[in-house]
Amino acid sequence: MELTGKQRRYLRSLAHALKPVVWIGHDGITDAVLDKVGIELENHELIKVKILEGAALDNEEAGPALAAKVRAALVQTIGHQVLLYRPRSEDPDIKLP
């Protein structure tokens, strides 16, 4: 899923107050992490993922890899956080401009 610049800005503005709901630790992107990200994306559509300091992947690798595996759009990677967006399969709450 590709996002335009305007859509990315809109999603970043919505995510400003969000807290991370998934953490990636030293084991990296495991099946459990992928399951949790999938569940959270279906519940919230827009989530933050925190990459801990001892993680197997660095920030720049983890964001695209995670987005590809869960079929989500990578909105932003900043610091140790990744912002992911995937609309709900039924009745999405977030309407992109």
Protein backbone atom coordinates (compact mmCIF):
# COMPACT_ATOMS: atom_id res chain seq x y z
CA MET A 1 0.00 0.00 0.00
CA GLU A 2 1.50 3.30 -1.09
CA LEU A 3 0.64 6.54 0.67
CA THR A 4 0.90 10.05 -0.71
CA GLY A 5 2.75 12.76 1.17
CA LYS A 6 -0.53 14.36 2.24
CA GLN A 7 -1.79 11.03 3.61
CA ARG A 8 1.46 10.45 5.51
CA ARG A 9 1.25 13.90 7.10
CA TYR A 10 -2.36 13.26 8.09
CA LEU A 11 -1.51 9.89 9.67
CA ARG A 12 1.49 11.37 11.51
CA SER A 13 -0.78 14.04 12.98
CA LEU A 14 -3.18 11.35 14.22
CA ALA A 15 -0.34 9.30 15.69
CA HIS A 16 1.25 12.10 17.68
CA ALA A 17 -0.50 11.16 20.93
CA LEU A 18 -0.31 7.37 20.43
CA LYS A 19 1.77 5.14 22.67
CA PRO A 20 3.57 2.06 21.32
CA VAL A 21 1.44 -1.09 21.51
CA VAL A 22 4.05 -3.61 20.30
CA TRP A 23 7.72 -3.93 21.23
CA ILE A 24 10.43 -5.68 19.25
CA GLY A 25 13.15 -7.12 21.47
CA HIS A 26 16.39 -9.02 21.01
CA ASP A 27 14.63 -11.90 19.21
CA GLY A 28 13.63 -9.57 16.37
CA ILE A 29 10.47 -10.02 14.32
CA THR A 30 9.05 -13.31 15.56
CA ASP A 31 5.73 -15.00 14.76
CA ALA A 32 4.35 -13.73 18.06
CA VAL A 33 5.29 -10.16 17.15
CA LEU A 34 3.67 -10.53 13.72
CA ASP A 35 0.49 -11.92 15.27
CA LYS A 36 0.32 -9.08 17.79
CA VAL A 37 0.92 -6.42 15.12
CA GLY A 38 -1.81 -7.95 12.94
CA ILE A 39 -4.29 -7.94 15.82
CA GLU A 40 -3.45 -4.36 16.82
CA LEU A 41 -3.70 -3.11 13.22
CA GLU A 42 -7.14 -4.69 12.89
CA ASN A 43 -8.21 -3.06 16.18
CA HIS A 44 -6.65 0.39 15.75
CA GLU A 45 -5.61 0.74 12.08
CA LEU A 46 -2.71 3.04 13.06
CA ILE A 47 -0.11 1.81 15.57
CA LYS A 48 3.33 2.60 16.91
CA VAL A 49 5.89 -0.17 17.31
CA LYS A 50 8.87 0.36 19.62
CA ILE A 51 12.22 -1.21 18.73
CA LEU A 52 14.19 -1.86 21.89
CA GLU A 53 17.94 -1.21 22.08
CA GLY A 54 18.98 -4.86 22.09
CA ALA A 55 16.87 -5.76 19.04
CA ALA A 56 18.31 -8.00 16.33
CA LEU A 57 17.33 -5.46 13.64
CA ASP A 58 18.04 -1.75 13.60
CA ASN A 59 15.32 0.85 13.08
CA GLU A 60 15.84 1.26 9.34
CA GLU A 61 15.62 -2.50 8.70
CA ALA A 62 12.77 -3.32 11.07
CA GLY A 63 10.22 -0.84 9.70
CA PRO A 64 10.13 -1.99 6.05
CA ALA A 65 10.48 -5.65 7.02
CA LEU A 66 7.62 -5.47 9.49
CA ALA A 67 5.36 -3.53 7.11
CA ALA A 68 5.95 -6.03 4.31
CA LYS A 69 5.23 -9.04 6.51
CA VAL A 70 1.92 -7.69 7.84
CA ARG A 71 0.89 -6.01 4.55
CA ALA A 72 0.73 -2.55 6.09
CA ALA A 73 1.95 0.85 5.00
CA LEU A 74 5.07 2.18 6.65
CA VAL A 75 4.12 5.74 7.55
CA GLN A 76 7.27 6.78 9.38
CA THR A 77 10.37 5.53 11.12
CA ILE A 78 11.64 7.95 13.70
CA GLY A 79 14.10 7.17 16.44
CA HIS A 80 13.30 3.74 17.80
CA GLN A 81 9.66 3.84 16.73
CA VAL A 82 7.87 2.67 13.61
CA LEU A 83 4.44 3.94 12.58
CA LEU A 84 2.27 1.47 10.64
CA TYR A 85 -1.13 1.88 8.98
CA ARG A 86 -3.51 -0.69 7.56
CA PRO A 87 -7.23 0.01 7.14
CA ARG A 88 -9.65 -2.43 8.72
CA SER A 89 -11.09 -5.04 6.44
CA GLU A 90 -14.61 -3.89 7.39
CA ASP A 91 -15.75 -0.38 8.32
CA PRO A 92 -12.45 1.52 8.64
CA ASP A 93 -12.44 4.47 11.06
CA ILE A 94 -9.63 6.48 9.48
CA LYS A 95 -10.57 8.22 6.25
CA LEU A 96 -7.49 9.24 4.29
CA PRO A 97 -7.50 12.60 2.46
